[in-house]
Amino acid sequence: MSNPEENEFLHGLEVEVEAEIDIAVSSHFEEVAGTPVTEWQFDPADAERYEVGLRGLLGAVEAVEDAERGHR
């Protein structure tokens, strides 16, 4: 049986990761890549890696939540 505090934590983590993904997507890293390097506020490749990592984390959180639902 799963712990209610753990479920609450996972849900909160999911919400936070989704919010970070929204921020990462709004950075439009693909558009920045077309500008001169001297105008970059961030490296577009780093932004893309960050978004990929966030999506992987979100998938892991969702998998744990799904597994917890299966045990109920």
PDB file of N, CA and C in Angstrom:
ATOM      1  N   MET A   1       0.840  -1.173   0.000  1.00  0.00           N
ATOM      2  CA  MET A   1       0.000   0.000   0.000  1.00  0.00           C
ATOM      3  C   MET A   1       0.891   1.244   0.000  1.00  0.00           C
ATOM      4  N   SER A   2       0.531   2.226  -0.767  1.00  0.00           N
ATOM      5  CA  SER A   2       1.370   3.416  -0.887  1.00  0.00           C
ATOM      6  C   SER A   2       1.070   4.405   0.226  1.00  0.00           C
ATOM      7  N   ASN A   3       2.052   5.195   0.519  1.00  0.00           N
ATOM      8  CA  ASN A   3       1.986   6.212   1.556  1.00  0.00           C
ATOM      9  C   ASN A   3       1.338   7.473   0.975  1.00  0.00           C
ATOM     10  N   PRO A   4       0.308   8.045   1.630  1.00  0.00           N
ATOM     11  CA  PRO A   4      -0.325   9.265   1.105  1.00  0.00           C
ATOM     12  C   PRO A   4       0.658  10.431   0.946  1.00  0.00           C
ATOM     13  N   GLU A   5       1.628  10.522   1.858  1.00  0.00           N
ATOM     14  CA  GLU A   5       2.628  11.588   1.744  1.00  0.00           C
ATOM     15  C   GLU A   5       3.478  11.401   0.489  1.00  0.00           C
ATOM     16  N   GLU A   6       3.781  10.157   0.151  1.00  0.00           N
ATOM     17  CA  GLU A   6       4.560   9.866  -1.051  1.00  0.00           C
ATOM     18  C   GLU A   6       3.757  10.244  -2.298  1.00  0.00           C
ATOM     19  N   ASN A   7       2.472   9.922  -2.294  1.00  0.00           N
ATOM     20  CA  ASN A   7       1.616  10.288  -3.426  1.00  0.00           C
ATOM     21  C   ASN A   7       1.551  11.793  -3.598  1.00  0.00           C
ATOM     22  N   GLU A   8       1.423  12.494  -2.493  1.00  0.00           N
ATOM     23  CA  GLU A   8       1.375  13.957  -2.528  1.00  0.00           C
ATOM     24  C   GLU A   8       2.698  14.528  -3.054  1.00  0.00           C
ATOM     25  N   PHE A   9       3.805  13.953  -2.596  1.00  0.00           N
ATOM     26  CA  PHE A   9       5.117  14.388  -3.068  1.00  0.00           C
ATOM     27  C   PHE A   9       5.254  14.183  -4.573  1.00  0.00           C
ATOM     28  N   LEU A  10       4.868  12.991  -5.045  1.00  0.00           N
ATOM     29  CA  LEU A  10       4.985  12.692  -6.476  1.00  0.00           C
ATOM     30  C   LEU A  10       4.119  13.628  -7.303  1.00  0.00           C
ATOM     31  N   HIS A  11       2.924  13.898  -6.832  1.00  0.00           N
ATOM     32  CA  HIS A  11       2.054  14.811  -7.576  1.00  0.00           C
ATOM     33  C   HIS A  11       2.672  16.216  -7.613  1.00  0.00           C
ATOM     34  N   GLY A  12       3.190  16.669  -6.478  1.00  0.00           N
ATOM     35  CA  GLY A  12       3.836  17.981  -6.430  1.00  0.00           C
ATOM     36  C   GLY A  12       5.047  18.051  -7.348  1.00  0.00           C
ATOM     37  N   LEU A  13       5.824  16.973  -7.370  1.00  0.00           N
ATOM     38  CA  LEU A  13       6.992  16.916  -8.250  1.00  0.00           C
ATOM     39  C   LEU A  13       6.559  16.973  -9.706  1.00  0.00           C
ATOM     40  N   GLU A  14       5.501  16.248 -10.039  1.00  0.00           N
ATOM     41  CA  GLU A  14       4.985  16.258 -11.409  1.00  0.00           C
ATOM     42  C   GLU A  14       4.569  17.671 -11.823  1.00  0.00           C
ATOM     43  N   VAL A  15       3.892  18.373 -10.947  1.00  0.00           N
ATOM     44  CA  VAL A  15       3.445  19.744 -11.238  1.00  0.00           C
ATOM     45  C   VAL A  15       4.651  20.657 -11.460  1.00  0.00           C
ATOM     46  N   GLU A  16       5.654  20.531 -10.605  1.00  0.00           N
ATOM     47  CA  GLU A  16       6.853  21.368 -10.721  1.00  0.00           C
ATOM     48  C   GLU A  16       7.614  21.085 -12.024  1.00  0.00           C
ATOM     49  N   VAL A  17       7.747  19.816 -12.360  1.00  0.00           N
ATOM     50  CA  VAL A  17       8.469  19.454 -13.589  1.00  0.00           C
ATOM     51  C   VAL A  17       7.709  19.958 -14.813  1.00  0.00           C
ATOM     52  N   GLU A  18       6.389  19.825 -14.804  1.00  0.00           N
ATOM     53  CA  GLU A  18       5.595  20.337 -15.924  1.00  0.00           C
ATOM     54  C   GLU A  18       5.759  21.845 -16.066  1.00  0.00           C
ATOM     55  N   ALA A  19       5.819  22.559 -14.949  1.00  0.00           N
ATOM     56  CA  ALA A  19       6.021  24.011 -14.995  1.00  0.00           C
ATOM     57  C   ALA A  19       7.395  24.342 -15.567  1.00  0.00           C
ATOM     58  N   GLU A  20       8.416  23.586 -15.178  1.00  0.00           N
ATOM     59  CA  GLU A  20       9.763  23.806 -15.722  1.00  0.00           C
ATOM     60  C   GLU A  20       9.816  23.524 -17.213  1.00  0.00           C
ATOM     61  N   ILE A  21       9.089  22.502 -17.652  1.00  0.00           N
ATOM     62  CA  ILE A  21       9.032  22.206 -19.087  1.00  0.00           C
ATOM     63  C   ILE A  21       8.404  23.373 -19.831  1.00  0.00           C
ATOM     64  N   ASP A  22       7.323  23.928 -19.285  1.00  0.00           N
ATOM     65  CA  ASP A  22       6.685  25.089 -19.919  1.00  0.00           C
ATOM     66  C   ASP A  22       7.666  26.252 -20.056  1.00  0.00           C
ATOM     67  N   ILE A  23       8.454  26.485 -19.026  1.00  0.00           N
ATOM     68  CA  ILE A  23       9.456  27.565 -19.068  1.00  0.00           C
ATOM     69  C   ILE A  23      10.516  27.257 -20.121  1.00  0.00           C
ATOM     70  N   ALA A  24      10.982  26.011 -20.140  1.00  0.00           N
ATOM     71  CA  ALA A  24      12.016  25.622 -21.112  1.00  0.00           C
ATOM     72  C   ALA A  24      11.501  25.778 -22.538  1.00  0.00           C
ATOM     73  N   VAL A  25      10.272  25.367 -22.782  1.00  0.00           N
ATOM     74  CA  VAL A  25       9.692  25.474 -24.121  1.00  0.00           C
ATOM     75  C   VAL A  25       9.545  26.937 -24.524  1.00  0.00           C
ATOM     76  N   SER A  26       9.204  27.782 -23.564  1.00  0.00           N
ATOM     77  CA  SER A  26       9.007  29.200 -23.882  1.00  0.00           C
ATOM     78  C   SER A  26      10.319  29.928 -24.161  1.00  0.00           C
ATOM     79  N   SER A  27      11.457  29.288 -23.900  1.00  0.00           N
ATOM     80  CA  SER A  27      12.748  29.933 -24.173  1.00  0.00           C
ATOM     81  C   SER A  27      13.059  29.964 -25.662  1.00  0.00           C
ATOM     82  N   HIS A  28      12.354  29.153 -26.462  1.00  0.00           N
ATOM     83  CA  HIS A  28      12.530  29.116 -27.920  1.00  0.00           C
ATOM     84  C   HIS A  28      13.998  28.952 -28.306  1.00  0.00           C
ATOM     85  N   PHE A  29      14.635  27.935 -27.730  1.00  0.00           N
ATOM     86  CA  PHE A  29      16.060  27.715 -27.974  1.00  0.00           C
ATOM     87  C   PHE A  29      16.378  27.524 -29.449  1.00  0.00           C
ATOM     88  N   GLU A  30      15.443  26.997 -30.208  1.00  0.00           N
ATOM     89  CA  GLU A  30      15.711  26.775 -31.629  1.00  0.00           C
ATOM     90  C   GLU A  30      15.838  28.104 -32.385  1.00  0.00           C
ATOM     91  N   GLU A  31      15.125  29.142 -31.920  1.00  0.00           N
ATOM     92  CA  GLU A  31      15.241  30.460 -32.546  1.00  0.00           C
ATOM     93  C   GLU A  31      16.558  31.140 -32.166  1.00  0.00           C
ATOM     94  N   VAL A  32      16.996  30.920 -30.941  1.00  0.00           N
ATOM     95  CA  VAL A  32      18.240  31.525 -30.466  1.00  0.00           C
ATOM     96  C   VAL A  32      19.422  31.003 -31.274  1.00  0.00           C
ATOM     97  N   ALA A  33      19.356  29.744 -31.674  1.00  0.00           N
ATOM     98  CA  ALA A  33      20.458  29.134 -32.414  1.00  0.00           C
ATOM     99  C   ALA A  33      20.722  29.849 -33.732  1.00  0.00           C
ATOM    100  N   GLY A  34      19.732  30.552 -34.258  1.00  0.00           N
ATOM    101  CA  GLY A  34      19.906  31.265 -35.522  1.00  0.00           C
ATOM    102  C   GLY A  34      20.473  32.659 -35.371  1.00  0.00           C
ATOM    103  N   THR A  35      20.724  33.087 -34.153  1.00  0.00           N
ATOM    104  CA  THR A  35      21.286  34.424 -33.925  1.00  0.00           C
ATOM    105  C   THR A  35      22.789  34.318 -33.671  1.00  0.00           C
ATOM    106  N   PRO A  36      23.504  35.431 -33.796  1.00  0.00           N
ATOM    107  CA  PRO A  36      24.953  35.399 -33.527  1.00  0.00           C
ATOM    108  C   PRO A  36      25.242  34.982 -32.079  1.00  0.00           C
ATOM    109  N   VAL A  37      26.305  34.233 -31.902  1.00  0.00           N
ATOM    110  CA  VAL A  37      26.682  33.721 -30.585  1.00  0.00           C
ATOM    111  C   VAL A  37      26.840  34.847 -29.567  1.00  0.00           C
ATOM    112  N   THR A  38      27.302  35.986 -29.990  1.00  0.00           N
ATOM    113  CA  THR A  38      27.512  37.101 -29.060  1.00  0.00           C
ATOM    114  C   THR A  38      26.204  37.629 -28.480  1.00  0.00           C
ATOM    115  N   GLU A  39      25.078  37.280 -29.091  1.00  0.00           N
ATOM    116  CA  GLU A  39      23.776  37.736 -28.598  1.00  0.00           C
ATOM    117  C   GLU A  39      23.075  36.689 -27.721  1.00  0.00           C
ATOM    118  N   TRP A  40      23.655  35.513 -27.587  1.00  0.00           N
ATOM    119  CA  TRP A  40      23.019  34.453 -26.802  1.00  0.00           C
ATOM    120  C   TRP A  40      23.032  34.788 -25.321  1.00  0.00           C
ATOM    121  N   GLN A  41      21.898  34.596 -24.669  1.00  0.00           N
ATOM    122  CA  GLN A  41      21.844  34.688 -23.208  1.00  0.00           C
ATOM    123  C   GLN A  41      22.051  33.311 -22.590  1.00  0.00           C
ATOM    124  N   PHE A  42      21.896  32.278 -23.408  1.00  0.00           N
ATOM    125  CA  PHE A  42      22.120  30.898 -22.982  1.00  0.00           C
ATOM    126  C   PHE A  42      22.502  30.084 -24.207  1.00  0.00           C
ATOM    127  N   ASP A  43      23.144  28.972 -23.976  1.00  0.00           N
ATOM    128  CA  ASP A  43      23.526  28.076 -25.068  1.00  0.00           C
ATOM    129  C   ASP A  43      22.304  27.248 -25.454  1.00  0.00           C
ATOM    130  N   PRO A  44      21.829  27.338 -26.681  1.00  0.00           N
ATOM    131  CA  PRO A  44      20.645  26.591 -27.089  1.00  0.00           C
ATOM    132  C   PRO A  44      20.781  25.078 -26.885  1.00  0.00           C
ATOM    133  N   ALA A  45      21.969  24.549 -27.038  1.00  0.00           N
ATOM    134  CA  ALA A  45      22.169  23.107 -26.836  1.00  0.00           C
ATOM    135  C   ALA A  45      21.938  22.738 -25.366  1.00  0.00           C
ATOM    136  N   ASP A  46      22.379  23.599 -24.448  1.00  0.00           N
ATOM    137  CA  ASP A  46      22.135  23.352 -23.028  1.00  0.00           C
ATOM    138  C   ASP A  46      20.645  23.396 -22.723  1.00  0.00           C
ATOM    139  N   ALA A  47      19.941  24.343 -23.316  1.00  0.00           N
ATOM    140  CA  ALA A  47      18.501  24.459 -23.099  1.00  0.00           C
ATOM    141  C   ALA A  47      17.771  23.227 -23.621  1.00  0.00           C
ATOM    142  N   GLU A  48      18.207  22.729 -24.767  1.00  0.00           N
ATOM    143  CA  GLU A  48      17.573  21.537 -25.327  1.00  0.00           C
ATOM    144  C   GLU A  48      17.850  20.315 -24.448  1.00  0.00           C
ATOM    145  N   ARG A  49      19.075  20.167 -23.974  1.00  0.00           N
ATOM    146  CA  ARG A  49      19.409  19.047 -23.080  1.00  0.00           C
ATOM    147  C   ARG A  49      18.600  19.133 -21.789  1.00  0.00           C
ATOM    148  N   TYR A  50      18.425  20.334 -21.274  1.00  0.00           N
ATOM    149  CA  TYR A  50      17.659  20.542 -20.046  1.00  0.00           C
ATOM    150  C   TYR A  50      16.212  20.096 -20.254  1.00  0.00           C
ATOM    151  N   GLU A  51      15.618  20.487 -21.376  1.00  0.00           N
ATOM    152  CA  GLU A  51      14.236  20.105 -21.663  1.00  0.00           C
ATOM    153  C   GLU A  51      14.111  18.583 -21.807  1.00  0.00           C
ATOM    154  N   VAL A  52      15.050  17.964 -22.485  1.00  0.00           N
ATOM    155  CA  VAL A  52      15.024  16.503 -22.649  1.00  0.00           C
ATOM    156  C   VAL A  52      15.116  15.828 -21.281  1.00  0.00           C
ATOM    157  N   GLY A  53      15.995  16.336 -20.422  1.00  0.00           N
ATOM    158  CA  GLY A  53      16.121  15.778 -19.074  1.00  0.00           C
ATOM    159  C   GLY A  53      14.843  15.928 -18.275  1.00  0.00           C
ATOM    160  N   LEU A  54      14.198  17.085 -18.394  1.00  0.00           N
ATOM    161  CA  LEU A  54      12.936  17.305 -17.691  1.00  0.00           C
ATOM    162  C   LEU A  54      11.857  16.339 -18.176  1.00  0.00           C
ATOM    163  N   ARG A  55      11.809  16.126 -19.477  1.00  0.00           N
ATOM    164  CA  ARG A  55      10.807  15.193 -20.022  1.00  0.00           C
ATOM    165  C   ARG A  55      11.076  13.765 -19.542  1.00  0.00           C
ATOM    166  N   GLY A  56      12.350  13.399 -19.415  1.00  0.00           N
ATOM    167  CA  GLY A  56      12.692  12.095 -18.871  1.00  0.00           C
ATOM    168  C   GLY A  56      12.277  11.973 -17.413  1.00  0.00           C
ATOM    169  N   LEU A  57      12.502  13.024 -16.641  1.00  0.00           N
ATOM    170  CA  LEU A  57      12.101  13.039 -15.236  1.00  0.00           C
ATOM    171  C   LEU A  57      10.582  12.945 -15.117  1.00  0.00           C
ATOM    172  N   LEU A  58       9.871  13.681 -15.952  1.00  0.00           N
ATOM    173  CA  LEU A  58       8.407  13.628 -15.928  1.00  0.00           C
ATOM    174  C   LEU A  58       7.925  12.218 -16.245  1.00  0.00           C
ATOM    175  N   GLY A  59       8.536  11.576 -17.229  1.00  0.00           N
ATOM    176  CA  GLY A  59       8.164  10.206 -17.566  1.00  0.00           C
ATOM    177  C   GLY A  59       8.399   9.256 -16.404  1.00  0.00           C
ATOM    178  N   ALA A  60       9.483   9.455 -15.678  1.00  0.00           N
ATOM    179  CA  ALA A  60       9.789   8.598 -14.531  1.00  0.00           C
ATOM    180  C   ALA A  60       8.771   8.808 -13.411  1.00  0.00           C
ATOM    181  N   VAL A  61       8.427  10.043 -13.148  1.00  0.00           N
ATOM    182  CA  VAL A  61       7.432  10.339 -12.111  1.00  0.00           C
ATOM    183  C   VAL A  61       6.095   9.704 -12.486  1.00  0.00           C
ATOM    184  N   GLU A  62       5.696   9.853 -13.739  1.00  0.00           N
ATOM    185  CA  GLU A  62       4.431   9.269 -14.185  1.00  0.00           C
ATOM    186  C   GLU A  62       4.459   7.742 -14.093  1.00  0.00           C
ATOM    187  N   ALA A  63       5.593   7.138 -14.390  1.00  0.00           N
ATOM    188  CA  ALA A  63       5.718   5.682 -14.296  1.00  0.00           C
ATOM    189  C   ALA A  63       5.568   5.217 -12.850  1.00  0.00           C
ATOM    190  N   VAL A  64       6.162   5.946 -11.919  1.00  0.00           N
ATOM    191  CA  VAL A  64       6.043   5.582 -10.503  1.00  0.00           C
ATOM    192  C   VAL A  64       4.593   5.752 -10.053  1.00  0.00           C
ATOM    193  N   GLU A  65       3.967   6.841 -10.473  1.00  0.00           N
ATOM    194  CA  GLU A  65       2.558   7.044 -10.115  1.00  0.00           C
ATOM    195  C   GLU A  65       1.680   5.930 -10.680  1.00  0.00           C
ATOM    196  N   ASP A  66       1.921   5.549 -11.923  1.00  0.00           N
ATOM    197  CA  ASP A  66       1.152   4.463 -12.538  1.00  0.00           C
ATOM    198  C   ASP A  66       1.374   3.150 -11.788  1.00  0.00           C
ATOM    199  N   ALA A  67       2.603   2.888 -11.405  1.00  0.00           N
ATOM    200  CA  ALA A  67       2.907   1.660 -10.664  1.00  0.00           C
ATOM    201  C   ALA A  67       2.207   1.666  -9.304  1.00  0.00           C
ATOM    202  N   GLU A  68       2.179   2.830  -8.663  1.00  0.00           N
ATOM    203  CA  GLU A  68       1.498   2.951  -7.374  1.00  0.00           C
ATOM    204  C   GLU A  68       0.001   2.704  -7.541  1.00  0.00           C
ATOM    205  N   ARG A  69      -0.579   3.206  -8.604  1.00  0.00           N
ATOM    206  CA  ARG A  69      -2.011   2.990  -8.858  1.00  0.00           C
ATOM    207  C   ARG A  69      -2.301   1.506  -9.074  1.00  0.00           C
ATOM    208  N   GLY A  70      -1.361   0.810  -9.678  1.00  0.00           N
ATOM    209  CA  GLY A  70      -1.527  -0.611  -9.935  1.00  0.00           C
ATOM    210  C   GLY A  70      -1.493  -1.451  -8.677  1.00  0.00           C
ATOM    211  N   HIS A  71      -0.861  -0.948  -7.614  1.00  0.00           N
ATOM    212  CA  HIS A  71      -0.741  -1.695  -6.366  1.00  0.00           C
ATOM    213  C   HIS A  71      -1.934  -1.479  -5.446  1.00  0.00           C
ATOM    214  N   ARG A  72      -2.812  -0.569  -5.795  1.00  0.00           N
ATOM    215  CA  ARG A  72      -3.973  -0.291  -4.924  1.00  0.00           C
ATOM    216  C   ARG A  72      -5.061  -1.284  -5.152  1.00  0.00           C
TER     217      ARG A  72
END
